[in-house]
Amino acid sequence: MGAALRIENLFKSYKAGVPVLQGIDLEVSGDGVTAIIGPSGTGKSTLLRCINRLVEPTSGKVVLETGSGEIDLASVRGSALRQARRRVGMVFQEYNLVERLSVMENLLTGRLGYLPAWKAWLRRFDQTDINHAFELLESVGLAQHASQRADALSGGQRQRVGIARALMQRPELLLADEPTSSLDPKTSVEIMELMTGLAQAQSIPIIINMHDVELAKRFARRIIGMSGGKIVFDGDKSTLEASHLKQIYGGESWLQ
């Protein structure tokens, strides 16, 4: 089982007095898929980026619970932060690949946090990492594209690389920020099947931001609804009703 996560009274403001996250309290167990839904601008992406410290929280705790103890991701600094980030993989909305590098080179960047500084600078990767990268490329159906530049791939192929790169970290928690928003419906389902299947096979819990409510209900066990920087729904997908969606998104004509 992967790492569990505990968020306590988390606030984030980009401008003084204008909180984007307003006292988030959340616990995520060490297995399964948790989907976060809500309108644009409600703080979903900010929440994920506070978890892995791509964004600095204003206050609060983000505690990662692992077999070796607890880490408050909101407070660690320097080398401790670098080590903590190894444990949290991230799949991005816009893929976040290095376009000029090959598919294989993009995957291997997922191991940079494990290398001494001089090896990272020279891109000196261990053979075990290279072997694992080939295995992951095989698992996402891109083994034949290992030497191809990332900018020559389709959107769906790029996201497959992004998933494989995140798993190259051997993370204990996987975050996904709108991973299907740039993809067509068929490819979106394929990417979700791939990501959730690979993560669950390795017992890695997933927290995923989504706009597509039906896709969230199809793949997630637990749904969290956010509105105005707060959690307004938290429950099993079977309990999510139209009244909850109205509270999350506002209005009701779009539900017809």
Protein backbone atom coordinates (compact mmCIF):
# COMPACT_ATOMS: atom_id res chain seq x y z
CA MET A 1 0.00 0.00 0.00
CA GLY A 2 1.24 3.48 -0.86
CA ALA A 3 1.50 6.56 1.27
CA ALA A 4 -1.44 8.13 3.05
CA LEU A 5 -1.95 11.88 3.03
CA ARG A 6 -3.31 14.19 5.71
CA ILE A 7 -3.99 17.87 5.00
CA GLU A 8 -4.76 20.14 7.95
CA ASN A 9 -6.19 23.67 7.77
CA LEU A 10 -4.45 24.45 4.48
CA PHE A 11 -4.62 28.02 3.21
CA LYS A 12 -3.12 29.51 0.08
CA SER A 13 -3.29 33.14 -1.02
CA TYR A 14 -1.53 34.54 -4.08
CA LYS A 15 -2.61 38.04 -2.98
CA ALA A 16 -2.86 39.15 0.64
CA GLY A 17 -6.38 38.78 1.93
CA VAL A 18 -7.61 36.84 -1.12
CA PRO A 19 -7.40 33.12 -0.24
CA VAL A 20 -7.58 30.56 -3.04
CA LEU A 21 -7.67 27.68 -0.56
CA GLN A 22 -9.66 28.31 2.60
CA GLY A 23 -8.84 25.92 5.41
CA ILE A 24 -8.73 22.59 3.56
CA ASP A 25 -8.92 19.51 5.80
CA LEU A 26 -8.56 16.23 3.98
CA GLU A 27 -7.38 12.68 4.56
CA VAL A 28 -6.59 10.29 1.73
CA SER A 29 -5.92 6.62 2.40
CA GLY A 30 -3.04 4.71 0.95
CA ASP A 31 -4.96 3.08 -1.90
CA GLY A 32 -7.46 3.70 -4.68
CA VAL A 33 -8.37 6.73 -6.79
CA THR A 34 -9.69 9.99 -5.35
CA ALA A 35 -11.10 12.49 -7.84
CA ILE A 36 -11.42 16.21 -7.12
CA ILE A 37 -14.07 18.01 -9.14
CA GLY A 38 -15.18 21.63 -9.24
CA PRO A 39 -15.38 24.72 -11.45
CA SER A 40 -12.33 26.44 -12.89
CA GLY A 41 -10.65 28.78 -10.45
CA THR A 42 -11.87 27.00 -7.34
CA GLY A 43 -8.40 25.89 -6.23
CA LYS A 44 -8.17 22.29 -7.44
CA SER A 45 -4.82 22.71 -9.19
CA THR A 46 -3.49 24.90 -6.39
CA LEU A 47 -4.31 22.15 -3.91
CA LEU A 48 -2.35 19.54 -5.86
CA ARG A 49 0.57 21.92 -6.31
CA CYS A 50 0.64 22.66 -2.60
CA ILE A 51 0.88 18.93 -1.93
CA ASN A 52 4.08 18.56 -3.97
CA ARG A 53 5.32 22.08 -3.18
CA LEU A 54 5.24 23.43 -6.70
CA VAL A 55 3.26 26.13 -4.90
CA GLU A 56 4.16 27.34 -1.41
CA PRO A 57 1.23 26.99 1.03
CA THR A 58 0.44 30.13 3.02
CA SER A 59 -0.26 28.07 6.15
CA GLY A 60 -1.32 24.61 7.24
CA LYS A 61 0.11 21.10 7.05
CA VAL A 62 0.46 18.55 4.25
CA VAL A 63 1.54 15.34 5.98
CA LEU A 64 2.69 12.35 3.97
CA GLU A 65 2.48 9.16 6.03
CA THR A 66 4.76 6.34 4.90
CA GLY A 67 6.17 3.18 6.36
CA SER A 68 9.23 5.13 7.47
CA GLY A 69 7.31 7.87 9.29
CA GLU A 70 5.61 11.20 8.62
CA ILE A 71 6.81 14.18 6.57
CA ASP A 72 5.16 17.60 6.58
CA LEU A 73 5.60 18.54 2.93
CA ALA A 74 4.48 22.09 3.69
CA SER A 75 7.44 22.81 5.96
CA VAL A 76 10.48 20.88 4.68
CA ARG A 77 13.26 22.80 2.94
CA GLY A 78 16.46 22.21 0.98
CA SER A 79 17.66 18.62 0.60
CA ALA A 80 14.78 17.34 2.75
CA LEU A 81 12.31 18.83 0.26
CA ARG A 82 14.20 17.30 -2.66
CA GLN A 83 14.03 13.88 -1.00
CA ALA A 84 10.36 14.28 -0.10
CA ARG A 85 9.45 15.17 -3.69
CA ARG A 86 10.77 11.81 -4.82
CA ARG A 87 7.78 10.23 -3.11
CA VAL A 88 5.16 12.21 -5.02
CA GLY A 89 4.77 11.70 -8.77
CA MET A 90 2.91 14.24 -10.93
CA VAL A 91 1.08 13.94 -14.25
CA PHE A 92 0.45 17.35 -15.79
CA GLN A 93 -2.37 18.76 -17.89
CA GLU A 94 -0.03 20.03 -20.62
CA TYR A 95 2.32 17.03 -20.35
CA ASN A 96 5.31 19.16 -19.19
CA LEU A 97 7.78 17.24 -21.35
CA VAL A 98 11.12 18.54 -22.57
CA GLU A 99 10.15 18.73 -26.23
CA ARG A 100 13.66 18.60 -27.69
CA LEU A 101 14.57 15.45 -25.75
CA SER A 102 13.75 11.91 -26.76
CA VAL A 103 11.01 9.88 -25.13
CA MET A 104 13.62 7.84 -23.23
CA GLU A 105 15.42 10.96 -22.02
CA ASN A 106 12.14 12.40 -20.78
CA LEU A 107 11.44 9.25 -18.79
CA LEU A 108 14.89 9.28 -17.21
CA THR A 109 14.37 12.82 -15.91
CA GLY A 110 12.07 11.14 -13.41
CA ARG A 111 15.19 9.77 -11.72
CA LEU A 112 17.10 13.05 -11.45
CA GLY A 113 16.04 13.54 -7.84
CA TYR A 114 17.82 10.32 -6.91
CA LEU A 115 21.18 11.19 -8.47
CA PRO A 116 24.14 13.05 -7.00
CA ALA A 117 24.41 16.56 -8.42
CA TRP A 118 27.29 15.72 -10.78
CA LYS A 119 25.49 12.68 -12.20
CA ALA A 120 22.30 14.68 -12.68
CA TRP A 121 24.25 17.38 -14.53
CA LEU A 122 25.88 14.83 -16.83
CA ARG A 123 22.73 12.72 -17.16
CA ARG A 124 24.61 9.67 -15.92
CA PHE A 125 21.87 7.14 -15.24
CA ASP A 126 22.30 3.69 -13.77
CA GLN A 127 21.63 0.72 -16.01
CA THR A 128 18.86 -0.41 -13.66
CA ASP A 129 17.07 2.90 -14.28
CA ILE A 130 17.48 2.55 -18.04
CA ASN A 131 16.11 -1.00 -17.90
CA HIS A 132 13.14 0.17 -15.83
CA ALA A 133 12.47 2.98 -18.30
CA PHE A 134 12.27 0.46 -21.15
CA GLU A 135 9.85 -1.66 -19.08
CA LEU A 136 7.62 1.36 -18.46
CA LEU A 137 7.69 2.33 -22.13
CA GLU A 138 6.56 -1.18 -22.95
CA SER A 139 3.75 -0.94 -20.39
CA VAL A 140 2.43 2.32 -21.89
CA GLY A 141 2.74 1.05 -25.47
CA LEU A 142 5.59 3.32 -26.57
CA ALA A 143 8.61 1.03 -26.67
CA GLN A 144 9.03 1.66 -30.40
CA HIS A 145 9.17 5.43 -29.77
CA ALA A 146 12.04 5.41 -27.25
CA SER A 147 14.41 7.42 -29.45
CA GLN A 148 11.78 9.72 -30.96
CA ARG A 149 11.66 13.39 -29.94
CA ALA A 150 8.80 14.28 -27.62
CA ASP A 151 7.56 17.06 -29.89
CA ALA A 152 6.84 14.50 -32.64
CA LEU A 153 4.25 12.65 -30.55
CA SER A 154 0.47 13.02 -30.47
CA GLY A 155 -1.27 14.37 -27.38
CA GLY A 156 -2.24 10.93 -26.17
CA GLN A 157 1.30 9.64 -26.67
CA ARG A 158 2.74 12.60 -24.79
CA GLN A 159 0.49 11.91 -21.83
CA ARG A 160 1.59 8.27 -21.87
CA VAL A 161 5.17 9.52 -21.59
CA GLY A 162 4.10 11.80 -18.74
CA ILE A 163 2.57 8.87 -16.87
CA ALA A 164 5.64 6.70 -17.40
CA ARG A 165 7.94 9.54 -16.27
CA ALA A 166 5.94 9.98 -13.06
CA LEU A 167 6.17 6.25 -12.35
CA MET A 168 9.93 6.35 -12.99
CA GLN A 169 10.19 8.13 -9.64
CA ARG A 170 8.80 4.98 -7.98
CA PRO A 171 6.43 7.31 -6.10
CA GLU A 172 4.35 6.48 -3.05
CA LEU A 173 1.62 8.92 -4.15
CA LEU A 174 0.56 9.97 -7.65
CA LEU A 175 -1.04 13.34 -8.43
CA ALA A 176 -2.71 14.07 -11.77
CA ASP A 177 -3.76 17.60 -12.71
CA GLU A 178 -6.44 17.52 -15.42
CA PRO A 179 -4.57 14.79 -17.34
CA THR A 180 -7.29 14.36 -19.99
CA SER A 181 -8.46 17.94 -20.56
CA SER A 182 -6.51 18.28 -23.84
CA LEU A 183 -7.59 14.89 -25.20
CA ASP A 184 -10.57 13.57 -27.14
CA PRO A 185 -13.10 11.37 -25.28
CA LYS A 186 -11.76 8.03 -26.53
CA THR A 187 -8.15 8.90 -25.73
CA SER A 188 -9.23 10.29 -22.35
CA VAL A 189 -10.70 6.93 -21.36
CA GLU A 190 -7.60 5.10 -22.60
CA ILE A 191 -5.30 7.39 -20.58
CA MET A 192 -7.41 6.99 -17.44
CA GLU A 193 -7.45 3.20 -17.85
CA LEU A 194 -3.70 3.16 -18.33
CA MET A 195 -2.83 5.49 -15.45
CA THR A 196 -5.18 3.97 -12.89
CA GLY A 197 -4.30 0.42 -13.92
CA LEU A 198 -0.55 0.91 -13.64
CA ALA A 199 -0.81 2.79 -10.35
CA GLN A 200 -3.15 0.28 -8.76
CA ALA A 201 -0.93 -2.61 -9.89
CA GLN A 202 1.84 -0.97 -7.86
CA SER A 203 -0.48 -0.03 -4.95
CA ILE A 204 0.06 3.70 -5.53
CA PRO A 205 -2.87 5.92 -4.48
CA ILE A 206 -3.95 8.59 -6.98
CA ILE A 207 -5.43 12.04 -6.43
CA ILE A 208 -6.73 13.45 -9.69
CA ASN A 209 -8.31 16.77 -10.66
CA MET A 210 -11.01 16.46 -13.30
CA HIS A 211 -13.68 18.53 -15.03
CA ASP A 212 -15.44 15.50 -16.50
CA VAL A 213 -17.78 14.31 -13.73
CA GLU A 214 -18.78 11.10 -15.51
CA LEU A 215 -15.16 10.17 -16.12
CA ALA A 216 -14.40 10.85 -12.47
CA LYS A 217 -17.28 8.60 -11.36
CA ARG A 218 -16.13 5.88 -13.74
CA PHE A 219 -12.60 5.63 -12.39
CA ALA A 220 -12.60 7.04 -8.85
CA ARG A 221 -13.95 5.41 -5.74
CA ARG A 222 -14.15 8.68 -3.82
CA ILE A 223 -15.26 12.08 -5.11
CA ILE A 224 -14.31 15.40 -3.52
CA GLY A 225 -16.20 18.48 -4.68
CA MET A 226 -14.65 21.93 -4.31
CA SER A 227 -16.24 25.33 -4.64
CA GLY A 228 -14.82 28.70 -3.70
CA GLY A 229 -11.62 27.23 -2.30
CA LYS A 230 -13.47 24.91 0.09
CA ILE A 231 -14.52 21.26 0.14
CA VAL A 232 -18.30 21.11 -0.15
CA PHE A 233 -18.70 17.39 -0.91
CA ASP A 234 -16.69 14.35 0.12
CA GLY A 235 -18.08 10.88 -0.35
CA ASP A 236 -18.36 7.65 -2.31
CA LYS A 237 -19.13 8.19 -5.99
CA SER A 238 -22.46 6.40 -5.54
CA THR A 239 -23.65 9.17 -3.21
CA LEU A 240 -22.95 12.06 -5.62
CA GLU A 241 -26.29 13.47 -6.73
CA ALA A 242 -27.55 16.39 -8.82
CA SER A 243 -28.08 18.46 -5.68
CA HIS A 244 -24.39 18.10 -4.83
CA LEU A 245 -23.35 19.06 -8.37
CA LYS A 246 -25.53 22.15 -8.13
CA GLN A 247 -23.77 23.09 -4.89
CA ILE A 248 -20.34 22.47 -6.44
CA TYR A 249 -20.86 24.16 -9.80
CA GLY A 250 -23.80 26.47 -9.16
CA GLY A 251 -26.94 26.82 -11.26
CA GLU A 252 -28.96 23.93 -12.56
CA SER A 253 -29.75 24.47 -16.27
CA TRP A 254 -26.53 22.69 -17.28
CA LEU A 255 -27.74 19.57 -15.47
CA GLN A 256 -30.66 19.08 -17.86
